[in-house]
Structures are given as structure tokens and as C-alpha cells.
Amino acid sequence: MTQLSRSLPQAPESEAEEKGAAAAAARPIAPPIATDHRDLRDGAFWQVIPSFADIDEATFLDHKWQMKNTITKPEKLLAAVKGLASDEFLADAAEGFRIAPMAVRVSPYMLSLIDWTNPYEDPIRRQFIPTNSTRLADHPKLTFDSLGEQADAPVDGLTHRYPDKALLLALDTCPVYCRFCTRSYAVGPDQEMIEKVSLKASPKRWDAIFAYVARRPELEDIVISGGDAWNLRAKQIETLGHRLLDIPHVRRMRFASKGPAVMPQKALTDDEWFNALVGVVKRGRELGKDVMIHTHFNHPNEITEITRAAMQRFFAEGVHLRNQTVLQRGVNDDAETMVRLVRRCAYVNVHPYYVYQHDLVKGVEELRTTVGSAKDLEKLVRGSTAGFNTPTFVVDAPGGGGKRGVHSHEHYNPVTGISVYTAPSVKPGKSFLYFDPVDQLPEEGQARWANEGEHSKMIDEALAAAG
């Protein structure tokens, strides 16, 4: 107790408690959404999958078992849930896989979190398992590398777009493959109609990247991604982390990973990998450099008691995590779901950081939303929790403009679905266009996009309106 507080008259404890209770009673009871972010899924939920029915908790938490039983063949995935989902759905998904730009890779953990009584509406199924019946035609202006990452790559696997930051693509595999991946041009094996760019985890390729970074004194911030840092071996984590820490002007480093969302077991049972990452973080702190993890939760159902245990292990070691969400139709594009996701991330000590407007990615048009819907959603989310736990809604401007606040467009036409952004500190004098999904536009806009002769006219109109 401070001297000041000792000098003030103190109410009896019972009187103070009575005042507090009365004040609480006078305020309306909070609705369930105010606290249900704490209700994390627990118990042996994975045993609903027939092939996992006899799997005990120790086995399910073993990262080696998760990796070994991760499903990489469509027929194996569909066989695993036969009897849970209808034959019609299974046939629909089989055809969806055949024409998808991304290969299938789904962990037992993710498979277990899907509601197989209603798979078409399930937000996790939507992200990892395509269905042919829901597929929409790609936007006419879609390109395979829509963000232009390869155009801004001075050496293979390093995108240097912002003045002081670079993206290091360390490898081309992940613990799962997301249908909506921006890097479907490189991540995972070739598909039936798509040949990928190769970004293997090659020490020789990495050496060229280290040499480039060392010769660019303006580079202070390196994002290690891919692919996914969760798939790097312990020695590779140490090589990447310590080689970058050895470069004097590198001040910040982020390991980007979907892993905490799709295979948290690794952080609980792969001690060698965990200790390697913690070792890089702690050495960075000793050098006055910031090393953290950027992760990727898209829906509150992805966060369970297993997640909380894994995130607590990082938290106890002083490892900070930030979350980057992709806004997706039917997954998280309503205020209640997004608020619950933001609060649930914060509850497990993962700081909500960004919500990305869905990039123009091949084969997943049904997951994209409009810029207008993102702007509306941001208004509803802001004020629902503390400001430092409120994510920024951004558009990663197609063509290499980088991340722009969704509200910061120079022009937006909700009829044609064209928004115009500029990036004066990244690529001055250039305009960047984002295109809303055609099926979400009013009839007038859909009619104009159905006429190829109108495409250039609509773009010219947008650029003129943007000035």
C-alpha cells in the first residue's frame, strides 16, 4: 500500500464489496459473445473420425504421428470420412480436388475439427477441401502471381519490395495446404494443370539470399516464410535465424507459419525444433533484436485447448506471436465470427495484427469478398475489444503495391468492383487495382464484366476517377 493510499480513509472491505456488487448488478448482463471466446474445444474430439476412434490423447499430441497421418491423397481423405459425409459430398470433393491448383494436405487435427454432419457450411472444410459444385469462374483479371512477388525478387526466393523489409521464401512445403494460398504458384507439388516454381530448402539458394541481405544496409526486417517455417528442421531454423542475426543491420525477424493453427502439437512435443526456435529468439533478445512468430488463424473453431497449451509454451519462453487472418466468404466475413476470432486469439496470447482482403487466387473465387464488405466489417469489429487487440484490415495491392489500409483507396466503385490504391513509399506514381468477385456485384456490374469489351473501359474509368 502506498503512503498516499494509507492517508486516505478506507471503506470497510464488506462495504466496498457491496458497492462493487451493486454496480455490477446495475449494468446489463453481457451477451454470451462477450465471454464465449473462452470456451475452447477439449476432450477427445478427434475420435469422431472412424480411423482415429482408438487414438488416445498422447498419440494425438505426438507431432510425428500428426505428420505421419497427414493426408496427402484425395482418395485417402475421402475414405477417412466415408460414413460421416454423404456420398454426394464425397464425389463433389473428389472432382474439386482434381481441378484444384493446390495439392491436398490436411492434418488429422484439422480433419477432426470439421463438422462432417454439415461439411458444405463448415468454415474449416471451406479452407482446405474444395468442392466442384461451389466453384466459380476466376476473375478475368486474375494472374497466377497476383502480388508480383517474383517480379520483386532480386535473387530466387527473396522478395525485396519495401525499403527496409524483405520476404525470405525458405521452402515450398507446409504442414497443410490452404486452398486460398497466395503462393500457389510455388507451394506444394505440381498439379494436373499447373507447374510450380521451385523454391526448395536449398543451402546454396539461401547463401545467395544471405549475401544479398548483407550487402543491403537498408534491410532491417526479414520475414521467413515459404512454404511454412513449421516444416523447417531444427538445424535449418538455427541456420536461418543465426545467419540473419549475424548481419548487423538486420534488427527484426519473423518466422511466418500456419502451424499453430493446423498442427499445434509440434510446439508441444518436438522439443528439438521448439528449443531451436526459442534459442534464436533469446539470442536475438541478447543482441537487442526482435524475433517473433507470425501465424494464421482464420476461424475461432481452429483454436482449441491444444492450441492454448502450445501457445502457453511459447508465452512462457517469452516468444511473441502475431496473427494474420485472411478474410473469406462463409468463413469469417460476419462480425460475430470475426469478433470471436479476435478475442479468442488474444485469450491464448496471440496478438491480432492483420485481416487481409482475400488475394486474387486461382480456383477459389467463391471465398473472396468485396472491399465494401471488408470496410463494413472493420467498422463493426473496431470497438469490440481493446485497440491494441484490434487488427488492421488491409488490401495487399495486386501487382506489388504492398499492404494498404482497406479504407485508403483513391477510388472505389461498388458497381464495377474496382478499387484503386497507390503506394507512394513503395512504388511512387503507380496505381494498383483490386477487383471484387463478379458474382458479388449488382446486375449492372456483372453485365459489364460479361462483356469483354467493357473491361478496359471500366479500368480507365476507375483510374480517371482516382485522379
Protein backbone atom coordinates (compact mmCIF):
# COMPACT_ATOMS: atom_id res chain seq x y z
CA MET A 1 0.00 0.00 0.00
CA THR A 2 1.42 3.44 -0.93
CA GLN A 3 1.73 6.30 1.53
CA LEU A 4 -1.00 8.18 -0.34
CA SER A 5 -3.45 5.29 -0.10
CA ARG A 6 -2.67 4.86 3.61
CA SER A 7 -3.56 8.50 4.20
CA LEU A 8 -7.00 8.16 2.64
CA PRO A 9 -9.99 6.89 4.64
CA GLN A 10 -10.60 3.24 3.76
CA ALA A 11 -14.10 1.82 3.45
CA PRO A 12 -14.65 -1.47 5.22
CA GLU A 13 -14.00 -4.40 2.89
CA SER A 14 -17.59 -5.57 3.13
CA GLU A 15 -18.90 -2.11 2.23
CA ALA A 16 -16.58 -1.92 -0.78
CA GLU A 17 -17.66 -5.34 -1.91
CA GLU A 18 -21.30 -4.33 -1.58
CA LYS A 19 -20.71 -1.25 -3.73
CA GLY A 20 -18.94 -3.33 -6.38
CA ALA A 21 -21.70 -5.91 -6.41
CA ALA A 22 -24.38 -3.24 -6.69
CA ALA A 23 -22.57 -1.55 -9.58
CA ALA A 24 -22.19 -4.88 -11.39
CA ALA A 25 -25.87 -5.69 -10.88
CA ALA A 26 -26.90 -2.31 -12.29
CA ARG A 27 -25.10 -2.95 -15.59
CA PRO A 28 -26.93 -5.21 -18.08
CA ILE A 29 -25.60 -8.77 -18.25
CA ALA A 30 -23.17 -9.18 -21.14
CA PRO A 31 -24.38 -11.36 -24.02
CA PRO A 32 -22.68 -14.76 -24.49
CA ILE A 33 -20.42 -13.42 -27.25
CA ALA A 34 -18.64 -11.33 -24.63
CA THR A 35 -17.21 -14.44 -22.95
CA ASP A 36 -17.72 -17.48 -25.20
CA HIS A 37 -14.31 -16.94 -26.79
CA ARG A 38 -13.01 -18.67 -23.64
CA ASP A 39 -14.98 -21.84 -24.36
CA LEU A 40 -12.29 -23.84 -26.11
CA ARG A 41 -12.91 -27.28 -27.56
CA ASP A 42 -11.48 -30.01 -25.34
CA GLY A 43 -11.64 -33.76 -24.88
CA ALA A 44 -11.02 -36.49 -27.46
CA PHE A 45 -12.92 -34.69 -30.25
CA TRP A 46 -10.79 -36.43 -32.91
CA GLN A 47 -12.35 -39.80 -32.10
CA VAL A 48 -15.41 -38.90 -34.19
CA ILE A 49 -13.28 -39.77 -37.23
CA PRO A 50 -13.58 -43.57 -37.61
CA SER A 51 -9.88 -44.14 -38.28
CA PHE A 52 -9.00 -42.08 -35.17
CA ALA A 53 -11.56 -43.71 -32.86
CA ASP A 54 -8.94 -45.62 -30.88
CA ILE A 55 -6.30 -42.85 -30.80
CA ASP A 56 -5.52 -41.75 -27.26
CA GLU A 57 -4.51 -38.22 -26.26
CA ALA A 58 -0.76 -38.91 -26.01
CA THR A 59 -0.73 -40.27 -29.56
CA PHE A 60 -2.83 -37.42 -30.95
CA LEU A 61 -0.48 -34.88 -29.36
CA ASP A 62 2.58 -36.51 -30.92
CA HIS A 63 3.77 -34.31 -33.79
CA LYS A 64 5.35 -37.32 -35.51
CA TRP A 65 2.00 -39.12 -35.51
CA GLN A 66 0.32 -35.97 -36.89
CA MET A 67 2.88 -35.74 -39.71
CA LYS A 68 2.78 -39.45 -40.50
CA ASN A 69 -1.01 -39.46 -40.68
CA THR A 70 -1.39 -36.19 -42.55
CA ILE A 71 -3.49 -36.96 -45.62
CA THR A 72 -1.93 -36.13 -48.99
CA LYS A 73 -4.16 -38.11 -51.34
CA PRO A 74 -7.75 -37.09 -52.10
CA GLU A 75 -8.92 -40.70 -52.07
CA LYS A 76 -7.43 -41.25 -48.60
CA LEU A 77 -9.06 -38.12 -47.23
CA LEU A 78 -12.45 -39.05 -48.61
CA ALA A 79 -12.09 -42.61 -47.36
CA ALA A 80 -11.31 -41.31 -43.86
CA VAL A 81 -14.69 -39.58 -43.59
CA LYS A 82 -16.81 -42.09 -45.53
CA GLY A 83 -19.93 -42.69 -43.49
CA LEU A 84 -19.67 -39.24 -41.89
CA ALA A 85 -20.31 -37.23 -45.05
CA SER A 86 -22.76 -38.09 -47.83
CA ASP A 87 -21.67 -39.90 -50.97
CA GLU A 88 -22.77 -36.84 -52.94
CA PHE A 89 -20.41 -34.60 -50.99
CA LEU A 90 -17.54 -37.06 -51.34
CA ALA A 91 -18.00 -37.21 -55.13
CA ASP A 92 -18.24 -33.42 -55.27
CA ALA A 93 -14.99 -33.05 -53.29
CA ALA A 94 -13.18 -35.66 -55.41
CA GLU A 95 -13.87 -33.60 -58.53
CA GLY A 96 -12.94 -30.42 -56.65
CA PHE A 97 -9.53 -31.87 -55.84
CA ARG A 98 -8.98 -32.93 -59.44
CA ILE A 99 -9.19 -29.39 -60.79
CA ALA A 100 -7.74 -27.52 -57.77
CA PRO A 101 -4.47 -25.52 -58.13
CA MET A 102 -3.29 -26.72 -54.70
CA ALA A 103 -2.47 -30.30 -53.72
CA VAL A 104 -4.28 -31.84 -50.79
CA ARG A 105 -2.51 -31.90 -47.43
CA VAL A 106 -4.72 -31.99 -44.32
CA SER A 107 -3.53 -32.84 -40.80
CA PRO A 108 -5.53 -35.22 -38.57
CA TYR A 109 -6.08 -32.26 -36.25
CA MET A 110 -7.74 -30.17 -38.98
CA LEU A 111 -9.75 -33.12 -40.26
CA SER A 112 -11.10 -33.65 -36.74
CA LEU A 113 -12.27 -30.05 -36.36
CA ILE A 114 -14.59 -30.15 -39.38
CA ASP A 115 -18.31 -30.65 -38.75
CA TRP A 116 -18.89 -33.62 -41.05
CA THR A 117 -22.65 -33.51 -40.46
CA ASN A 118 -22.69 -30.24 -42.45
CA PRO A 119 -19.45 -30.13 -44.46
CA TYR A 120 -20.66 -27.68 -47.11
CA GLU A 121 -21.14 -24.95 -44.50
CA ASP A 122 -18.18 -25.79 -42.28
CA PRO A 123 -15.62 -22.93 -42.20
CA ILE A 124 -12.59 -25.22 -41.90
CA ARG A 125 -13.69 -27.53 -44.71
CA ARG A 126 -14.08 -24.50 -46.97
CA GLN A 127 -10.42 -23.59 -46.47
CA PHE A 128 -8.85 -26.98 -47.20
CA ILE A 129 -11.24 -29.19 -49.15
CA PRO A 130 -12.58 -27.91 -52.48
CA THR A 131 -15.93 -28.87 -53.97
CA ASN A 132 -16.65 -28.67 -57.66
CA SER A 133 -20.28 -27.58 -57.22
CA THR A 134 -19.36 -24.37 -55.39
CA ARG A 135 -16.51 -23.36 -57.68
CA LEU A 136 -16.87 -20.04 -59.52
CA ALA A 137 -15.02 -18.83 -62.59
CA ASP A 138 -11.83 -16.92 -61.82
CA HIS A 139 -11.97 -13.14 -62.18
CA PRO A 140 -10.97 -12.07 -65.73
CA LYS A 141 -8.09 -10.01 -64.31
CA LEU A 142 -6.63 -12.75 -62.16
CA THR A 143 -2.95 -13.61 -62.65
CA PHE A 144 -1.12 -16.59 -61.15
CA ASP A 145 1.32 -14.50 -59.05
CA SER A 146 -1.15 -11.69 -58.38
CA LEU A 147 1.09 -9.88 -55.87
CA GLY A 148 4.05 -9.80 -58.24
CA GLU A 149 6.40 -11.39 -55.71
CA GLN A 150 8.65 -12.90 -58.38
CA ALA A 151 8.98 -9.55 -60.17
CA ASP A 152 10.36 -8.03 -56.95
CA ALA A 153 12.80 -10.91 -56.32
CA PRO A 154 16.46 -9.91 -56.92
CA VAL A 155 17.52 -13.47 -56.06
CA ASP A 156 15.43 -16.66 -56.08
CA GLY A 157 13.18 -16.78 -53.05
CA LEU A 158 13.74 -13.23 -51.72
CA THR A 159 11.13 -10.54 -52.39
CA HIS A 160 12.51 -7.06 -51.67
CA ARG A 161 9.60 -4.65 -52.10
CA TYR A 162 9.53 -2.36 -49.10
CA PRO A 163 12.67 -0.26 -48.47
CA ASP A 164 13.63 -1.82 -45.13
CA LYS A 165 11.92 -5.24 -45.32
CA ALA A 166 12.32 -8.43 -47.35
CA LEU A 167 10.40 -11.69 -47.59
CA LEU A 168 12.58 -14.82 -47.49
CA LEU A 169 10.83 -17.85 -49.01
CA ALA A 170 12.84 -20.58 -47.30
CA LEU A 171 10.99 -23.63 -48.63
CA ASP A 172 7.96 -24.67 -50.64
CA THR A 173 6.11 -27.06 -48.32
CA CYS A 174 3.68 -26.61 -45.44
CA PRO A 175 2.09 -28.81 -42.74
CA VAL A 176 -1.20 -28.30 -44.63
CA TYR A 177 -2.03 -26.76 -47.99
CA CYS A 178 -4.58 -23.94 -47.90
CA ARG A 179 -6.79 -23.68 -50.97
CA PHE A 180 -6.51 -19.89 -50.93
CA CYS A 181 -2.70 -19.71 -50.78
CA THR A 182 -1.24 -16.59 -52.41
CA ARG A 183 1.82 -18.64 -53.34
CA SER A 184 0.03 -21.43 -55.12
CA TYR A 185 2.49 -20.58 -57.92
CA ALA A 186 5.24 -22.24 -55.85
CA VAL A 187 3.89 -24.06 -52.79
CA GLY A 188 3.32 -27.80 -52.96
CA PRO A 189 3.76 -30.27 -55.81
CA ASP A 190 2.69 -29.65 -59.41
CA GLN A 191 -0.98 -30.17 -60.11
CA GLU A 192 -2.72 -31.62 -63.16
CA MET A 193 -2.83 -28.28 -64.97
CA ILE A 194 -0.18 -26.28 -63.09
CA GLU A 195 3.61 -26.50 -63.00
CA LYS A 196 5.02 -24.75 -59.92
CA VAL A 197 8.08 -22.53 -59.43
CA SER A 198 10.69 -24.45 -57.39
CA LEU A 199 11.71 -22.98 -54.01
CA LYS A 200 13.30 -25.98 -52.30
CA ALA A 201 15.04 -25.62 -48.93
CA SER A 202 18.49 -25.33 -50.52
CA PRO A 203 21.56 -24.10 -48.55
CA LYS A 204 23.07 -22.87 -51.84
CA ARG A 205 19.96 -20.79 -52.59
CA TRP A 206 19.96 -19.49 -49.01
CA ASP A 207 23.62 -18.44 -49.29
CA ALA A 208 22.74 -16.17 -52.22
CA ILE A 209 19.96 -14.64 -50.12
CA PHE A 210 22.23 -14.06 -47.11
CA ALA A 211 24.82 -12.42 -49.40
CA TYR A 212 22.18 -10.08 -50.86
CA VAL A 213 20.81 -9.10 -47.43
CA ALA A 214 24.33 -8.47 -46.08
CA ARG A 215 25.00 -6.06 -48.94
CA ARG A 216 21.79 -4.07 -48.45
CA PRO A 217 22.24 -1.94 -45.29
CA GLU A 218 18.68 -0.60 -45.54
CA LEU A 219 17.24 -4.06 -44.81
CA GLU A 220 16.29 -4.27 -41.13
CA ASP A 221 13.27 -6.58 -41.20
CA ILE A 222 13.23 -10.14 -42.63
CA VAL A 223 10.13 -12.35 -42.85
CA ILE A 224 10.97 -16.06 -43.07
CA SER A 225 8.14 -17.80 -44.85
CA GLY A 226 7.63 -20.14 -47.77
CA GLY A 227 6.06 -22.57 -47.61
CA ASP A 228 6.00 -22.69 -43.87
CA ALA A 229 8.64 -22.37 -41.15
CA TRP A 230 6.81 -25.15 -39.25
CA ASN A 231 8.29 -27.58 -41.80
CA LEU A 232 11.89 -26.46 -41.29
CA ARG A 233 14.10 -28.84 -39.34
CA ALA A 234 15.70 -27.64 -36.10
CA LYS A 235 19.12 -27.20 -37.76
CA GLN A 236 17.52 -25.21 -40.57
CA ILE A 237 15.80 -22.92 -38.06
CA GLU A 238 19.17 -22.31 -36.43
CA THR A 239 20.94 -21.72 -39.76
CA LEU A 240 18.40 -19.21 -40.99
CA GLY A 241 17.97 -17.49 -37.64
CA HIS A 242 21.61 -17.15 -36.63
CA ARG A 243 22.92 -16.27 -40.12
CA LEU A 244 20.44 -13.39 -40.24
CA LEU A 245 21.16 -12.34 -36.65
CA ASP A 246 24.86 -12.20 -37.57
CA ILE A 247 24.12 -9.44 -40.11
CA PRO A 248 24.47 -6.23 -38.07
CA HIS A 249 21.77 -4.17 -39.79
CA VAL A 250 19.06 -6.88 -39.51
CA ARG A 251 17.05 -5.78 -36.47
CA ARG A 252 13.81 -7.74 -36.76
CA MET A 253 12.90 -11.23 -37.87
CA ARG A 254 9.56 -13.01 -38.17
CA PHE A 255 9.01 -16.71 -38.69
CA ALA A 256 5.71 -16.96 -40.59
CA SER A 257 3.70 -20.12 -40.00
CA LYS A 258 0.24 -21.59 -40.31
CA GLY A 259 1.49 -24.30 -37.93
CA PRO A 260 -0.04 -23.02 -34.66
CA ALA A 261 -3.46 -23.19 -36.33
CA VAL A 262 -3.14 -26.53 -38.11
CA MET A 263 -0.62 -28.57 -36.11
CA PRO A 264 -0.04 -27.05 -32.63
CA GLN A 265 1.19 -30.47 -31.48
CA LYS A 266 4.64 -29.67 -32.90
CA ALA A 267 5.15 -26.91 -30.34
CA LEU A 268 4.22 -29.35 -27.56
CA THR A 269 6.19 -32.48 -28.50
CA ASP A 270 9.00 -31.55 -30.93
CA ASP A 271 11.45 -30.36 -28.27
CA GLU A 272 14.45 -30.12 -30.61
CA TRP A 273 12.56 -27.86 -33.03
CA PHE A 274 10.99 -25.81 -30.22
CA ASN A 275 14.32 -25.27 -28.48
CA ALA A 276 15.99 -24.26 -31.74
CA LEU A 277 13.38 -21.57 -32.33
CA VAL A 278 13.48 -20.36 -28.72
CA GLY A 279 17.27 -20.26 -28.95
CA VAL A 280 17.10 -17.90 -31.94
CA VAL A 281 14.55 -15.70 -30.14
CA LYS A 282 16.68 -15.48 -26.99
CA ARG A 283 19.90 -14.77 -28.87
CA GLY A 284 18.05 -12.06 -30.76
CA ARG A 285 16.94 -10.51 -27.49
CA GLU A 286 20.54 -10.58 -26.20
CA LEU A 287 21.59 -8.68 -29.32
CA GLY A 288 18.73 -6.20 -28.95
CA LYS A 289 16.91 -7.69 -31.94
CA ASP A 290 13.26 -8.70 -32.13
CA VAL A 291 12.39 -12.24 -33.27
CA MET A 292 8.78 -13.45 -33.23
CA ILE A 293 6.26 -15.75 -34.89
CA HIS A 294 3.54 -14.59 -37.27
CA THR A 295 0.74 -17.09 -37.51
CA HIS A 296 -2.55 -17.52 -39.31
CA PHE A 297 -5.83 -18.31 -37.55
CA ASN A 298 -8.88 -17.69 -39.73
CA HIS A 299 -11.75 -19.00 -37.62
CA PRO A 300 -12.35 -19.37 -33.85
CA ASN A 301 -13.00 -23.12 -34.30
CA GLU A 302 -9.30 -23.52 -35.12
CA ILE A 303 -8.36 -22.56 -31.54
CA THR A 304 -8.73 -25.38 -29.01
CA GLU A 305 -7.32 -26.33 -25.62
CA ILE A 306 -4.45 -27.93 -27.55
CA THR A 307 -3.78 -24.56 -29.14
CA ARG A 308 -3.81 -22.83 -25.79
CA ALA A 309 -1.30 -25.29 -24.32
CA ALA A 310 1.03 -24.80 -27.30
CA MET A 311 0.76 -21.01 -27.22
CA GLN A 312 1.34 -21.02 -23.46
CA ARG A 313 4.61 -22.89 -24.01
CA PHE A 314 5.79 -20.13 -26.35
CA PHE A 315 4.50 -17.44 -23.98
CA ALA A 316 6.37 -18.93 -21.03
CA GLU A 317 9.62 -18.65 -23.03
CA GLY A 318 8.95 -15.04 -23.98
CA VAL A 319 8.15 -15.81 -27.64
CA HIS A 320 5.59 -13.37 -29.00
CA LEU A 321 3.03 -14.28 -31.69
CA ARG A 322 1.03 -12.10 -34.04
CA ASN A 323 -1.90 -13.30 -36.14
CA GLN A 324 -2.71 -12.53 -39.77
CA THR A 325 -6.20 -13.54 -40.91
CA VAL A 326 -7.45 -13.84 -44.47
CA LEU A 327 -11.00 -12.55 -44.91
CA GLN A 328 -13.03 -15.32 -46.55
CA ARG A 329 -16.63 -15.62 -47.61
CA GLY A 330 -18.53 -18.14 -45.49
CA VAL A 331 -15.60 -18.48 -43.11
CA ASN A 332 -15.15 -15.23 -41.18
CA ASP A 333 -16.95 -12.48 -43.11
CA ASP A 334 -19.55 -11.73 -40.42
CA ALA A 335 -18.95 -9.52 -37.40
CA GLU A 336 -19.82 -12.12 -34.76
CA THR A 337 -17.29 -14.63 -36.09
CA MET A 338 -14.54 -12.05 -36.57
CA VAL A 339 -15.04 -10.58 -33.09
CA ARG A 340 -14.94 -14.04 -31.55
CA LEU A 341 -11.75 -14.84 -33.51
CA VAL A 342 -10.04 -11.64 -32.41
CA ARG A 343 -10.94 -12.20 -28.76
CA ARG A 344 -10.02 -15.88 -28.86
CA CYS A 345 -6.60 -15.11 -30.35
CA ALA A 346 -5.97 -12.58 -27.60
CA TYR A 347 -7.17 -15.09 -24.99
CA VAL A 348 -4.40 -17.52 -25.98
CA ASN A 349 -1.79 -14.71 -26.16
CA VAL A 350 -1.73 -14.34 -29.94
CA HIS A 351 -1.90 -10.67 -30.90
CA PRO A 352 -4.41 -9.91 -33.72
CA TYR A 353 -2.42 -7.99 -36.33
CA TYR A 354 -3.85 -8.00 -39.85
CA VAL A 355 -7.01 -9.05 -41.65
CA TYR A 356 -6.19 -9.39 -45.35
CA GLN A 357 -8.63 -8.84 -48.16
CA HIS A 358 -8.51 -12.20 -49.97
CA ASP A 359 -5.95 -12.07 -52.79
CA LEU A 360 -6.90 -12.90 -56.36
CA VAL A 361 -6.01 -16.60 -56.24
CA LYS A 362 -6.79 -19.18 -58.90
CA GLY A 363 -9.62 -21.61 -58.19
CA VAL A 364 -11.10 -20.05 -55.03
CA GLU A 365 -13.28 -17.20 -56.27
CA GLU A 366 -16.15 -18.38 -54.05
CA LEU A 367 -14.05 -17.49 -50.99
CA ARG A 368 -13.42 -13.86 -51.93
CA THR A 369 -15.41 -10.90 -50.60
CA THR A 370 -15.77 -7.28 -51.71
CA VAL A 371 -13.76 -4.31 -50.48
CA GLY A 372 -17.05 -2.79 -49.36
CA SER A 373 -17.80 -5.77 -47.11
CA ALA A 374 -14.31 -5.55 -45.58
CA LYS A 375 -14.81 -1.86 -44.82
CA ASP A 376 -18.16 -2.54 -43.18
CA LEU A 377 -16.74 -5.41 -41.15
CA GLU A 378 -13.81 -3.33 -39.90
CA LYS A 379 -16.22 -0.74 -38.53
CA LEU A 380 -18.14 -3.41 -36.63
CA VAL A 381 -15.01 -5.05 -35.19
CA ARG A 382 -13.41 -1.80 -34.06
CA GLY A 383 -14.54 -1.01 -30.54
CA SER A 384 -15.46 -4.59 -29.70
CA THR A 385 -12.17 -5.10 -27.87
CA ALA A 386 -9.07 -3.16 -26.83
CA GLY A 387 -7.45 -1.10 -29.56
CA PHE A 388 -4.12 -2.95 -29.38
CA ASN A 389 -6.03 -6.21 -29.99
CA THR A 390 -7.92 -4.80 -32.98
CA PRO A 391 -6.45 -5.96 -36.31
CA THR A 392 -5.86 -3.63 -39.24
CA PHE A 393 -7.88 -4.55 -42.34
CA VAL A 394 -5.65 -4.36 -45.42
CA VAL A 395 -5.55 -4.99 -49.16
CA ASP A 396 -2.27 -6.43 -50.43
CA ALA A 397 -2.35 -4.42 -53.62
CA PRO A 398 -2.12 -6.65 -56.71
CA GLY A 399 0.95 -6.04 -58.82
CA GLY A 400 3.31 -5.31 -55.93
CA GLY A 401 1.86 -2.29 -54.16
CA GLY A 402 2.12 -3.93 -50.77
CA LYS A 403 -0.30 -3.69 -47.87
CA ARG A 404 -2.68 -0.74 -47.96
CA GLY A 405 -5.39 0.04 -45.41
CA VAL A 406 -8.68 -1.17 -46.90
CA HIS A 407 -10.19 2.31 -46.44
CA SER A 408 -7.22 4.08 -48.08
CA HIS A 409 -8.24 3.63 -51.72
CA GLU A 410 -8.07 6.57 -54.09
CA HIS A 411 -11.32 5.37 -55.66
CA TYR A 412 -13.79 2.52 -55.17
CA ASN A 413 -16.77 1.69 -57.38
CA PRO A 414 -19.01 -0.95 -55.76
CA VAL A 415 -20.84 -1.46 -59.07
CA THR A 416 -17.80 -2.47 -61.12
CA GLY A 417 -15.97 -3.73 -58.02
CA ILE A 418 -12.76 -1.88 -58.94
CA SER A 419 -10.75 -0.16 -56.24
CA VAL A 420 -7.63 1.90 -56.92
CA TYR A 421 -4.77 2.12 -54.43
CA THR A 422 -1.45 3.95 -54.51
CA ALA A 423 1.75 3.16 -52.62
CA PRO A 424 3.87 6.34 -52.67
CA SER A 425 6.53 4.95 -50.33
CA VAL A 426 6.79 1.64 -52.21
CA LYS A 427 6.25 2.39 -55.90
CA PRO A 428 5.55 6.11 -56.32
CA GLY A 429 3.48 7.23 -59.26
CA LYS A 430 1.90 3.84 -59.86
CA SER A 431 -1.72 2.78 -59.32
CA PHE A 432 -2.78 -0.68 -58.18
CA LEU A 433 -6.17 -2.21 -58.88
CA TYR A 434 -8.11 -4.70 -56.77
CA PHE A 435 -11.15 -6.41 -58.30
CA ASP A 436 -14.15 -7.58 -56.28
CA PRO A 437 -15.60 -11.02 -57.17
CA VAL A 438 -18.00 -10.58 -60.07
CA ASP A 439 -20.80 -12.65 -58.55
CA GLN A 440 -20.99 -10.21 -55.59
CA LEU A 441 -21.59 -7.18 -57.82
CA PRO A 442 -25.01 -5.72 -58.71
CA GLU A 443 -26.53 -6.76 -62.04
CA GLU A 444 -25.10 -3.75 -63.89
CA GLY A 445 -21.57 -4.61 -62.84
CA GLN A 446 -21.97 -8.30 -63.66
CA ALA A 447 -23.29 -7.41 -67.12
CA ARG A 448 -20.30 -5.20 -67.86
CA TRP A 449 -17.81 -7.89 -66.82
CA ALA A 450 -19.69 -10.40 -69.01
CA ASN A 451 -18.80 -8.16 -71.97
CA GLU A 452 -15.05 -8.37 -72.61
CA GLY A 453 -15.16 -5.08 -74.50
CA GLU A 454 -16.15 -3.30 -71.26
CA HIS A 455 -13.14 -4.46 -69.23
CA SER A 456 -10.67 -1.80 -70.33
CA LYS A 457 -13.36 0.90 -70.19
CA MET A 458 -14.13 0.09 -66.54
CA ILE A 459 -10.44 0.21 -65.63
CA ASP A 460 -9.94 3.52 -67.45
CA GLU A 461 -12.98 4.95 -65.65
CA ALA A 462 -11.59 3.88 -62.28
CA LEU A 463 -8.13 5.32 -62.97
CA ALA A 464 -9.64 8.60 -64.17
CA ALA A 465 -11.86 8.85 -61.09
CA ALA A 466 -8.84 8.20 -58.88
CA GLY A 467 -7.07 11.15 -60.47
